[in-house]
């Protein structure tokens, strides 16, 4: 995994925080933290998209962010654990991993997707 894919994973990590922030922020500091997470998340995703296929970057970003958000709902916010939901998230992650595996990495800037 090269540094561009690491940027996508970190961007997805911050996506989880801003999604949680959009739902649960109730004061100025929480909103500021949410805004910072949005900026970091999108900045890293855009930078990775300059050297990797944009469609695959976005799919990986959203897939990992969705899985992280659902996991945090189970662990931190008391969302009821449902086998069907976990199975569908695993199917989503399998698709994202499959996309990553079949996508060629390019180091040229401005490569068409």
Protein backbone atom coordinates (compact mmCIF):
# COMPACT_ATOMS: atom_id res chain seq x y z
CA UNK A 1 0.00 0.00 0.00
CA UNK A 2 1.52 3.29 -1.04
CA UNK A 3 1.19 6.68 0.63
CA UNK A 4 -1.76 7.72 -1.55
CA UNK A 5 -3.87 4.80 -0.28
CA UNK A 6 -2.80 5.59 3.28
CA UNK A 7 -4.19 9.11 2.70
CA UNK A 8 -7.51 7.54 1.66
CA UNK A 9 -7.64 5.39 4.82
CA UNK A 10 -6.84 8.39 7.04
CA UNK A 11 -9.46 10.46 5.18
CA UNK A 12 -12.04 7.73 5.86
CA UNK A 13 -11.02 7.72 9.54
CA UNK A 14 -11.74 11.45 9.75
CA UNK A 15 -14.98 10.91 7.83
CA UNK A 16 -16.26 8.84 10.73
CA UNK A 17 -15.63 11.76 13.09
CA UNK A 18 -17.36 14.35 10.95
CA UNK A 19 -20.37 12.12 10.35
CA UNK A 20 -20.68 11.59 14.10
CA UNK A 21 -20.17 15.33 14.60
CA UNK A 22 -22.97 16.22 12.19
CA UNK A 23 -25.36 14.11 14.23
CA UNK A 24 -24.17 14.80 17.77
CA UNK A 25 -22.51 18.24 17.81
CA UNK A 26 -24.34 20.50 20.24
CA UNK A 27 -21.89 23.28 21.05
CA UNK A 28 -19.39 25.52 19.31
CA UNK A 29 -16.33 23.36 20.04
CA UNK A 30 -18.03 20.22 18.73
CA UNK A 31 -18.96 22.08 15.53
CA UNK A 32 -15.42 23.39 15.16
CA UNK A 33 -14.07 19.85 15.58
CA UNK A 34 -16.56 18.62 13.00
CA UNK A 35 -15.45 21.30 10.53
CA UNK A 36 -11.79 20.44 11.08
CA UNK A 37 -12.54 16.74 10.47
CA UNK A 38 -14.39 17.63 7.24
CA UNK A 39 -11.48 19.74 6.01
CA UNK A 40 -8.85 17.09 6.80
CA UNK A 41 -10.97 14.29 5.35
CA UNK A 42 -11.72 15.99 2.05
CA UNK A 43 -8.22 17.44 1.69
CA UNK A 44 -6.64 13.99 1.99
CA UNK A 45 -9.19 12.42 -0.35
CA UNK A 46 -8.65 15.13 -2.98
CA UNK A 47 -4.85 14.83 -2.73
CA UNK A 48 -5.06 11.04 -3.17
CA UNK A 49 -7.45 11.51 -6.10
CA UNK A 50 -4.80 13.50 -7.95
CA UNK A 51 -2.63 10.38 -8.30
CA UNK A 52 -5.15 7.54 -8.05
CA UNK A 53 -8.35 6.82 -10.00
CA UNK A 54 -10.97 9.14 -8.53
CA UNK A 55 -13.86 6.66 -8.72
CA UNK A 56 -11.94 4.01 -6.79
CA UNK A 57 -10.68 6.55 -4.25
CA UNK A 58 -14.22 7.72 -3.60
CA UNK A 59 -15.59 4.16 -3.34
CA UNK A 60 -12.89 3.16 -0.84
CA UNK A 61 -13.35 6.40 1.12
CA UNK A 62 -17.12 5.97 1.40
CA UNK A 63 -16.96 2.22 2.06
CA UNK A 64 -14.46 2.54 4.89
CA UNK A 65 -16.25 5.58 6.29
CA UNK A 66 -19.58 3.75 6.27
CA UNK A 67 -18.12 0.71 7.99
CA UNK A 68 -16.43 2.90 10.61
CA UNK A 69 -19.60 4.87 11.25
CA UNK A 70 -21.72 1.73 11.70
CA UNK A 71 -19.07 0.22 13.98
CA UNK A 72 -18.95 3.38 16.11
CA UNK A 73 -22.76 3.36 16.34
CA UNK A 74 -22.60 -0.16 17.78
CA UNK A 75 -19.73 0.53 20.17
CA UNK A 76 -20.29 4.11 21.35
CA UNK A 77 -23.93 5.01 20.78
CA UNK A 78 -25.85 1.88 21.77
CA UNK A 79 -27.17 1.02 18.29
CA UNK A 80 -28.63 -2.49 18.43
CA UNK A 81 -26.31 -5.08 16.89
CA UNK A 82 -27.90 -6.69 13.83
CA UNK A 83 -26.33 -9.60 11.99
CA UNK A 84 -27.90 -8.49 8.68
CA UNK A 85 -26.35 -5.02 9.00
CA UNK A 86 -22.91 -6.45 9.78
CA UNK A 87 -23.19 -8.90 6.88
CA UNK A 88 -24.09 -6.12 4.45
CA UNK A 89 -21.21 -3.96 5.67
CA UNK A 90 -18.87 -6.92 5.13
CA UNK A 91 -20.23 -7.30 1.58
CA UNK A 92 -19.60 -3.57 1.04
CA UNK A 93 -16.04 -3.89 2.34
CA UNK A 94 -15.43 -6.94 0.13
CA UNK A 95 -16.48 -4.85 -2.87
CA UNK A 96 -14.22 -1.98 -1.83
CA UNK A 97 -11.27 -4.33 -1.33
CA UNK A 98 -12.02 -5.92 -4.71
CA UNK A 99 -12.01 -2.50 -6.38
CA UNK A 100 -8.69 -1.68 -4.77
CA UNK A 101 -7.17 -4.97 -5.91
CA UNK A 102 -8.19 -4.60 -9.55
CA UNK A 103 -7.28 -0.91 -9.86
CA UNK A 104 -3.83 -0.07 -11.14
CA UNK A 105 -1.93 2.52 -9.13
CA UNK A 106 -0.46 5.32 -11.19
CA UNK A 107 2.03 7.92 -10.08
CA UNK A 108 1.26 10.41 -12.84
CA UNK A 109 -0.48 13.56 -11.79
CA UNK A 110 -3.73 14.31 -13.60
CA UNK A 111 -4.29 10.76 -14.88
CA UNK A 112 -7.77 10.26 -16.32
CA UNK A 113 -9.90 7.76 -14.41
